[in-house]
Amino acid sequence: MTKIQCWGAGGGGSSSGGSFGSGGSGGGYNENTVVTSSLRSSVTVTIGAGGLAGTTTGGTGGNTTFGSYLAAYGGGGGASYSSSSGTAAAGAAGECVVTTW
């Protein structure tokens, strides 16, 4: 058996001069357990990039996929609101872990 676990990338935070910034959403998590012999010999894995920090809206985190077996979606970017200021940060990248037993 093979357990596939994937995390989507986090969304980027936002901030703007004179505005409250907010953090981006965390990326989604998904897992699947498959019979090892059913896996193809080559599988395309895409690791989602973290969303970029923004001045009005943070960027959406990228999706992480393990071929057609599994997908975990990236988090949404943060939004800015009026009245304060702060510093925005980019979201963390996605990840995939494959365990066979």
C-alpha atoms as a PDB file:
ATOM      1  CA  MET A   1       0.000   0.000   0.000  1.00  0.00           C
ATOM      2  CA  THR A   2       1.058   3.573  -0.639  1.00  0.00           C
ATOM      3  CA  LYS A   3      -0.219   6.601   1.242  1.00  0.00           C
ATOM      4  CA  ILE A   4      -0.039   9.914  -0.630  1.00  0.00           C
ATOM      5  CA  GLN A   5      -0.396  13.145   1.370  1.00  0.00           C
ATOM      6  CA  CYS A   6      -0.392  16.597  -0.237  1.00  0.00           C
ATOM      7  CA  TRP A   7      -0.711  20.151   1.057  1.00  0.00           C
ATOM      8  CA  GLY A   8      -1.620  23.113  -1.119  1.00  0.00           C
ATOM      9  CA  ALA A   9       0.439  26.296  -0.772  1.00  0.00           C
ATOM     10  CA  GLY A  10      -0.612  29.080   1.576  1.00  0.00           C
ATOM     11  CA  GLY A  11      -2.057  32.342   0.309  1.00  0.00           C
ATOM     12  CA  GLY A  12       0.005  35.521   0.604  1.00  0.00           C
ATOM     13  CA  GLY A  13      -0.728  38.207   3.154  1.00  0.00           C
ATOM     14  CA  SER A  14      -1.754  41.740   2.285  1.00  0.00           C
ATOM     15  CA  SER A  15      -0.999  45.212   3.552  1.00  0.00           C
ATOM     16  CA  SER A  16      -1.330  48.743   2.294  1.00  0.00           C
ATOM     17  CA  GLY A  17      -0.283  52.105   3.690  1.00  0.00           C
ATOM     18  CA  GLY A  18      -3.126  53.227   5.959  1.00  0.00           C
ATOM     19  CA  SER A  19      -4.767  49.771   5.997  1.00  0.00           C
ATOM     20  CA  PHE A  20      -5.057  46.721   8.203  1.00  0.00           C
ATOM     21  CA  GLY A  21      -3.433  43.780   6.472  1.00  0.00           C
ATOM     22  CA  SER A  22      -4.521  40.197   6.869  1.00  0.00           C
ATOM     23  CA  GLY A  23      -2.807  36.869   6.490  1.00  0.00           C
ATOM     24  CA  GLY A  24      -3.578  34.530   3.626  1.00  0.00           C
ATOM     25  CA  SER A  25      -5.436  31.251   4.119  1.00  0.00           C
ATOM     26  CA  GLY A  26      -3.585  28.024   4.709  1.00  0.00           C
ATOM     27  CA  GLY A  27      -3.445  25.578   1.823  1.00  0.00           C
ATOM     28  CA  GLY A  28      -5.746  22.564   1.787  1.00  0.00           C
ATOM     29  CA  TYR A  29      -4.755  19.013   2.769  1.00  0.00           C
ATOM     30  CA  ASN A  30      -5.715  15.809   1.003  1.00  0.00           C
ATOM     31  CA  GLU A  31      -4.638  12.187   1.273  1.00  0.00           C
ATOM     32  CA  ASN A  32      -5.240   8.941  -0.592  1.00  0.00           C
ATOM     33  CA  THR A  33      -4.151   5.349   0.001  1.00  0.00           C
ATOM     34  CA  VAL A  34      -3.706   3.204  -3.098  1.00  0.00           C
ATOM     35  CA  VAL A  35      -2.454  -0.286  -3.913  1.00  0.00           C
ATOM     36  CA  THR A  36       1.219   0.219  -4.775  1.00  0.00           C
ATOM     37  CA  SER A  37       1.061  -1.973  -7.904  1.00  0.00           C
ATOM     38  CA  SER A  38      -1.677   0.318  -9.314  1.00  0.00           C
ATOM     39  CA  LEU A  39       0.682   3.331  -9.441  1.00  0.00           C
ATOM     40  CA  ARG A  40       2.206   4.162 -12.791  1.00  0.00           C
ATOM     41  CA  SER A  41       6.007   3.906 -12.992  1.00  0.00           C
ATOM     42  CA  SER A  42       6.228   7.671 -13.548  1.00  0.00           C
ATOM     43  CA  VAL A  43       3.955  10.252 -11.907  1.00  0.00           C
ATOM     44  CA  THR A  44       4.089  14.017 -12.453  1.00  0.00           C
ATOM     45  CA  VAL A  45       4.167  15.861  -9.135  1.00  0.00           C
ATOM     46  CA  THR A  46       3.402  19.596  -9.005  1.00  0.00           C
ATOM     47  CA  ILE A  47       4.255  21.515  -5.823  1.00  0.00           C
ATOM     48  CA  GLY A  48       2.221  24.702  -5.436  1.00  0.00           C
ATOM     49  CA  ALA A  49       4.121  27.959  -4.917  1.00  0.00           C
ATOM     50  CA  GLY A  50       3.196  30.184  -1.988  1.00  0.00           C
ATOM     51  CA  GLY A  51       0.994  33.174  -2.815  1.00  0.00           C
ATOM     52  CA  LEU A  52       2.838  36.472  -3.173  1.00  0.00           C
ATOM     53  CA  ALA A  53       2.442  39.260  -0.641  1.00  0.00           C
ATOM     54  CA  GLY A  54       0.237  42.063  -1.955  1.00  0.00           C
ATOM     55  CA  THR A  55      -0.592  45.680  -1.265  1.00  0.00           C
ATOM     56  CA  THR A  56      -4.365  45.310  -1.577  1.00  0.00           C
ATOM     57  CA  THR A  57      -4.834  41.543  -1.894  1.00  0.00           C
ATOM     58  CA  GLY A  58      -2.349  38.724  -1.323  1.00  0.00           C
ATOM     59  CA  GLY A  59      -1.833  36.173  -4.076  1.00  0.00           C
ATOM     60  CA  THR A  60      -3.559  32.803  -4.092  1.00  0.00           C
ATOM     61  CA  GLY A  61      -1.384  29.812  -3.165  1.00  0.00           C
ATOM     62  CA  GLY A  62      -0.742  27.237  -5.869  1.00  0.00           C
ATOM     63  CA  ASN A  63      -2.307  23.788  -6.052  1.00  0.00           C
ATOM     64  CA  THR A  64      -0.228  20.687  -5.281  1.00  0.00           C
ATOM     65  CA  THR A  65      -0.946  17.536  -7.286  1.00  0.00           C
ATOM     66  CA  PHE A  66       0.317  13.959  -7.419  1.00  0.00           C
ATOM     67  CA  GLY A  67      -0.564  13.049 -11.001  1.00  0.00           C
ATOM     68  CA  SER A  68      -4.269  12.309 -11.333  1.00  0.00           C
ATOM     69  CA  TYR A  69      -4.259  10.494  -7.981  1.00  0.00           C
ATOM     70  CA  LEU A  70      -4.570  13.492  -5.682  1.00  0.00           C
ATOM     71  CA  ALA A  71      -4.899  17.296  -5.531  1.00  0.00           C
ATOM     72  CA  ALA A  72      -4.673  19.762  -2.634  1.00  0.00           C
ATOM     73  CA  TYR A  73      -5.775  23.315  -3.375  1.00  0.00           C
ATOM     74  CA  GLY A  74      -3.904  26.491  -2.449  1.00  0.00           C
ATOM     75  CA  GLY A  75      -5.197  29.001   0.095  1.00  0.00           C
ATOM     76  CA  GLY A  76      -6.694  32.376  -0.764  1.00  0.00           C
ATOM     77  CA  GLY A  77      -4.793  35.632  -0.379  1.00  0.00           C
ATOM     78  CA  GLY A  78      -5.431  38.069   2.466  1.00  0.00           C
ATOM     79  CA  ALA A  79      -7.304  41.360   1.993  1.00  0.00           C
ATOM     80  CA  SER A  80      -6.587  44.901   3.261  1.00  0.00           C
ATOM     81  CA  TYR A  81      -8.943  47.048   5.335  1.00  0.00           C
ATOM     82  CA  SER A  82      -8.701  50.754   6.217  1.00  0.00           C
ATOM     83  CA  SER A  83      -7.200  52.399   9.347  1.00  0.00           C
ATOM     84  CA  SER A  84      -3.676  50.981  10.014  1.00  0.00           C
ATOM     85  CA  SER A  85      -0.558  49.624   8.302  1.00  0.00           C
ATOM     86  CA  GLY A  86       1.607  46.543   8.443  1.00  0.00           C
ATOM     87  CA  THR A  87       3.973  44.340   6.480  1.00  0.00           C
ATOM     88  CA  ALA A  88       2.720  41.515   4.261  1.00  0.00           C
ATOM     89  CA  ALA A  89       4.455  38.151   3.852  1.00  0.00           C
ATOM     90  CA  ALA A  90       4.351  35.496   1.138  1.00  0.00           C
ATOM     91  CA  GLY A  91       2.615  32.151   1.730  1.00  0.00           C
ATOM     92  CA  ALA A  92       4.505  28.896   2.280  1.00  0.00           C
ATOM     93  CA  ALA A  93       4.978  26.408  -0.579  1.00  0.00           C
ATOM     94  CA  GLY A  94       2.967  23.186  -0.819  1.00  0.00           C
ATOM     95  CA  GLU A  95       4.291  19.704  -0.095  1.00  0.00           C
ATOM     96  CA  CYS A  96       3.750  16.069  -1.047  1.00  0.00           C
ATOM     97  CA  VAL A  97       4.750  13.042   1.064  1.00  0.00           C
ATOM     98  CA  VAL A  98       4.562   9.467  -0.237  1.00  0.00           C
ATOM     99  CA  THR A  99       4.871   6.519   2.183  1.00  0.00           C
ATOM    100  CA  THR A 100       4.934   2.892   1.042  1.00  0.00           C
ATOM    101  CA  TRP A 101       4.567  -0.141   3.293  1.00  0.00           C
END
